[in-house]
Protein backbone atom coordinates (compact mmCIF):
# COMPACT_ATOMS: atom_id res chain seq x y z
CA UNK A 1 -11.07 -31.61 12.75
CA UNK A 2 -8.56 -34.63 11.80
CA UNK A 3 -10.61 -34.71 9.16
CA UNK A 4 -10.67 -31.86 7.71
CA UNK A 5 -8.81 -32.27 4.16
CA UNK A 6 -5.78 -29.90 4.12
CA UNK A 7 -6.66 -28.87 0.64
CA UNK A 8 -9.64 -26.64 2.13
CA UNK A 9 -7.56 -24.71 4.78
CA UNK A 10 -7.84 -21.28 2.30
CA UNK A 11 -11.57 -21.78 2.19
CA UNK A 12 -12.29 -22.31 5.85
CA UNK A 13 -13.67 -20.18 8.45
CA UNK A 14 -13.97 -20.48 12.57
CA UNK A 15 -17.45 -19.99 13.48
CA UNK A 16 -17.56 -16.46 14.76
CA UNK A 17 -16.66 -15.81 11.43
CA UNK A 18 -19.29 -17.57 9.55
CA UNK A 19 -21.10 -16.40 6.70
CA UNK A 20 -19.89 -13.01 5.74
CA UNK A 21 -20.80 -12.52 2.51
CA UNK A 22 -17.41 -12.92 0.96
CA UNK A 23 -15.05 -13.80 -1.96
CA UNK A 24 -12.02 -15.75 -1.13
CA UNK A 25 -9.80 -16.31 -3.89
CA UNK A 26 -6.74 -18.24 -3.91
CA UNK A 27 -4.92 -17.83 -7.49
CA UNK A 28 -2.13 -20.48 -8.80
CA UNK A 29 -0.42 -20.43 -11.62
CA UNK A 30 1.98 -24.07 -12.20
CA UNK A 31 4.29 -22.12 -14.68
CA UNK A 32 4.57 -18.81 -13.30
CA UNK A 33 5.85 -17.85 -9.93
CA UNK A 34 5.14 -14.43 -8.43
CA UNK A 35 5.07 -12.74 -4.97
CA UNK A 36 1.09 -11.53 -5.31
CA UNK A 37 -1.62 -11.44 -8.89
CA UNK A 38 -3.49 -7.63 -9.34
CA UNK A 39 -6.94 -8.07 -9.73
CA UNK A 40 -8.67 -4.55 -10.13
CA UNK A 41 -11.41 -4.12 -8.41
CA UNK A 42 -12.96 -1.13 -8.21
CA UNK A 43 -12.95 0.65 -4.47
CA UNK A 44 -16.71 1.35 -4.37
CA UNK A 45 -17.51 -2.85 -4.21
CA UNK A 46 -14.72 -2.46 -1.28
CA UNK A 47 -16.57 -2.75 2.29
CA UNK A 48 -14.02 -4.43 4.71
CA UNK A 49 -10.45 -4.66 5.04
CA UNK A 50 -8.68 -8.15 6.81
CA UNK A 51 -5.47 -6.71 7.91
CA UNK A 52 -3.02 -10.20 7.96
CA UNK A 53 -2.32 -11.97 11.60
CA UNK A 54 0.72 -11.89 11.24
CA UNK A 55 0.68 -8.08 11.35
CA UNK A 56 2.26 -6.77 14.55
CA UNK A 57 -0.35 -5.61 16.88
CA UNK A 58 1.73 -2.77 17.62
CA UNK A 59 1.40 -1.85 13.71
CA UNK A 60 -1.97 -2.50 13.30
CA UNK A 61 -3.39 0.99 14.16
CA UNK A 62 -0.59 2.84 11.97
CA UNK A 63 -2.02 0.71 9.24
CA UNK A 64 -5.36 1.26 9.80
CA UNK A 65 -4.84 5.39 9.94
CA UNK A 66 -2.75 4.84 6.69
CA UNK A 67 -5.41 3.15 4.79
CA UNK A 68 -8.08 5.97 6.70
CA UNK A 69 -5.97 8.43 4.98
CA UNK A 70 -6.12 7.27 1.55
CA UNK A 71 -8.97 9.52 -0.74
CA UNK A 72 -12.56 7.40 -0.50
CA UNK A 73 -11.16 5.29 2.55
CA UNK A 74 -11.69 7.02 5.88
CA UNK A 75 -15.08 5.31 6.58
CA UNK A 76 -13.77 1.84 5.26
CA UNK A 77 -13.83 -0.88 8.45
CA UNK A 78 -10.47 -2.47 8.60
CA UNK A 79 -9.78 -5.35 10.92
CA UNK A 80 -6.45 -6.88 11.96
CA UNK A 81 -7.52 -10.78 11.74
CA UNK A 82 -6.43 -13.37 15.21
CA UNK A 83 -6.29 -15.95 13.31
CA UNK A 84 -3.08 -17.01 14.97
CA UNK A 85 -3.95 -16.30 18.22
CA UNK A 86 -6.22 -19.41 18.13
CA UNK A 87 -5.13 -22.70 19.39
CA UNK A 88 -7.33 -25.17 17.30
CA UNK A 89 -6.41 -23.60 14.56
CA UNK A 90 -3.01 -23.74 14.82
CA UNK A 91 -3.21 -27.38 15.57
CA UNK A 92 -5.30 -27.34 12.12
CA UNK A 93 -2.77 -25.44 10.02
CA UNK A 94 0.43 -27.30 11.23
CA UNK A 95 -1.37 -30.46 9.26
CA UNK A 96 -0.75 -29.08 6.41
CA UNK A 97 2.51 -26.89 7.07
CA UNK A 98 4.05 -28.98 9.66
CA UNK A 99 7.25 -27.14 11.49
CA UNK A 100 10.19 -28.31 10.78
CA UNK A 101 13.71 -28.70 12.69
CA UNK A 102 16.10 -25.67 11.69
CA UNK A 103 19.16 -27.95 10.45
CA UNK A 104 21.95 -25.11 10.20
């Protein structure tokens, strides 16, 4: 993994999650910092939702249940990512954002 460009990390996937025919988009605006960017997408185009790996396991079932309670979402496939549970990816991500000591 030493030859992987950390600029490509948002677009890389572990082998078991190979081609899932999805799109990944990273929005960067050097002039406007905001916590999110809205993109209108019709619910009919959503085939699956992957919850972030930082969501606590203990909360994932209640989040899934809540999302499925939304009109039109009862049959939606919802999963929680296990990315941060993978040791190889932890090492690789550490290259992009090394953990710095807390100097308080």
